[in-house]
């Protein structure tokens, strides 16, 4: 075996990263489950109230961003460890180059007369 490969295999840095990657694989499965629950609850809430719950929209955006940050770490696109080793994703740190999404500035009155969700 090459000396360079042996040196990398003995490096504690790569094994530490492997442990963090394993941890975030488990965390990510929990995040995905929470997103599915949130989606179902948002759907039911929208049926009952006629509009999307803005707090759930914010939480959904944060969970999606957190999932994205975990993916970046797992695929070696970043060395920055996601929450709890960095700040929780909020509106200020969504995606580096993305503009904030329009999370629904429409009012319930705007939907009067609309029969379909697609109009």
Protein backbone atom coordinates (compact mmCIF):
# COMPACT_ATOMS: atom_id res chain seq x y z
CA UNK A 1 0.00 0.00 0.00
CA UNK A 2 1.24 3.47 -0.83
CA UNK A 3 2.74 5.48 2.05
CA UNK A 4 0.45 8.41 1.25
CA UNK A 5 -2.65 6.22 1.56
CA UNK A 6 -1.38 4.77 4.84
CA UNK A 7 -0.83 8.27 6.18
CA UNK A 8 -4.40 9.28 5.23
CA UNK A 9 -5.83 6.13 6.80
CA UNK A 10 -4.05 6.92 10.06
CA UNK A 11 -5.22 10.53 10.07
CA UNK A 12 -7.66 11.25 12.89
CA UNK A 13 -9.16 14.11 10.85
CA UNK A 14 -10.71 11.80 8.24
CA UNK A 15 -12.09 9.41 10.87
CA UNK A 16 -13.56 12.31 12.83
CA UNK A 17 -15.29 13.46 9.68
CA UNK A 18 -16.58 9.92 9.09
CA UNK A 19 -18.16 9.90 12.55
CA UNK A 20 -19.80 13.27 11.94
CA UNK A 21 -21.05 12.06 8.57
CA UNK A 22 -22.61 9.02 10.20
CA UNK A 23 -24.24 11.24 12.83
CA UNK A 24 -25.69 13.55 10.16
CA UNK A 25 -27.05 10.63 8.13
CA UNK A 26 -29.19 9.74 11.16
CA UNK A 27 -30.12 13.37 11.80
CA UNK A 28 -31.11 13.79 8.15
CA UNK A 29 -33.51 10.85 8.32
CA UNK A 30 -35.24 12.54 11.26
CA UNK A 31 -35.39 15.85 9.36
CA UNK A 32 -36.97 14.15 6.35
CA UNK A 33 -39.58 12.54 8.62
CA UNK A 34 -40.34 15.95 10.16
CA UNK A 35 -40.73 17.47 6.68
CA UNK A 36 -43.26 14.79 5.76
CA UNK A 37 -45.24 15.40 8.97
CA UNK A 38 -45.11 19.13 8.37
CA UNK A 39 -46.34 18.68 4.80
CA UNK A 40 -49.32 16.62 5.93
CA UNK A 41 -50.16 19.06 8.71
CA UNK A 42 -49.78 22.04 6.34
CA UNK A 43 -52.10 20.35 3.84
CA UNK A 44 -54.76 19.71 6.48
CA UNK A 45 -54.34 23.22 7.88
CA UNK A 46 -54.73 24.71 4.41
CA UNK A 47 -57.91 22.73 3.79
CA UNK A 48 -59.40 23.86 7.10
CA UNK A 49 -58.37 27.53 7.00
CA UNK A 50 -58.15 28.22 3.28
CA UNK A 51 -54.56 29.49 3.45
CA UNK A 52 -51.10 28.23 4.28
CA UNK A 53 -49.87 28.62 7.85
CA UNK A 54 -47.02 31.16 7.72
CA UNK A 55 -45.25 29.69 10.74
CA UNK A 56 -45.22 26.28 9.09
CA UNK A 57 -43.96 27.85 5.87
CA UNK A 58 -41.03 29.32 7.80
CA UNK A 59 -40.30 26.04 9.58
CA UNK A 60 -40.52 24.12 6.30
CA UNK A 61 -38.08 26.51 4.68
CA UNK A 62 -35.67 26.15 7.59
CA UNK A 63 -35.90 22.35 7.57
CA UNK A 64 -35.31 22.25 3.81
CA UNK A 65 -32.28 24.50 4.19
CA UNK A 66 -30.97 22.36 7.04
CA UNK A 67 -31.37 19.24 4.87
CA UNK A 68 -29.49 21.04 2.09
CA UNK A 69 -26.67 21.98 4.48
CA UNK A 70 -26.41 18.35 5.61
CA UNK A 71 -26.22 17.23 1.97
CA UNK A 72 -23.43 19.72 1.29
CA UNK A 73 -21.48 18.38 4.26
CA UNK A 74 -22.07 14.71 3.38
CA UNK A 75 -20.94 15.21 -0.22
CA UNK A 76 -17.75 17.06 0.81
CA UNK A 77 -18.93 20.31 -0.76
CA UNK A 78 -18.29 22.08 2.53
CA UNK A 79 -16.31 21.46 5.67
CA UNK A 80 -18.73 23.50 7.78
CA UNK A 81 -20.74 21.19 10.00
CA UNK A 82 -24.48 21.89 10.09
CA UNK A 83 -26.47 22.69 13.24
CA UNK A 84 -25.74 22.17 16.18
CA UNK A 85 -22.14 22.91 15.19
CA UNK A 86 -23.20 26.08 13.38
CA UNK A 87 -26.22 28.34 13.59
CA UNK A 88 -29.73 27.10 12.79
CA UNK A 89 -30.72 28.01 9.23
CA UNK A 90 -32.90 31.08 9.19
CA UNK A 91 -34.05 33.61 6.66
CA UNK A 92 -30.63 35.26 6.69
CA UNK A 93 -28.63 32.16 5.69
CA UNK A 94 -30.78 30.17 3.28
CA UNK A 95 -28.73 29.63 0.16
CA UNK A 96 -25.66 31.67 -0.64
CA UNK A 97 -26.92 33.19 -3.91
CA UNK A 98 -30.67 32.70 -3.67
CA UNK A 99 -33.24 35.39 -3.11
CA UNK A 100 -35.86 34.74 -0.43
CA UNK A 101 -38.84 32.83 -1.78
CA UNK A 102 -42.26 34.43 -1.90
CA UNK A 103 -43.90 32.56 0.94
CA UNK A 104 -47.36 33.73 0.14
CA UNK A 105 -48.08 37.40 0.52
CA UNK A 106 -51.58 36.78 -0.79
CA UNK A 107 -54.49 37.39 1.52
CA UNK A 108 -57.54 35.13 1.80
CA UNK A 109 -59.56 37.83 0.03
CA UNK A 110 -57.35 37.37 -3.05
CA UNK A 111 -58.73 33.83 -3.48
CA UNK A 112 -62.40 34.78 -3.54
CA UNK A 113 -64.02 33.56 -6.70
CA UNK A 114 -61.19 31.12 -7.48
CA UNK A 115 -62.49 27.62 -7.83
CA UNK A 116 -59.16 25.95 -8.48
CA UNK A 117 -55.87 26.03 -6.56
CA UNK A 118 -54.10 26.46 -9.89
CA UNK A 119 -55.64 29.80 -10.81
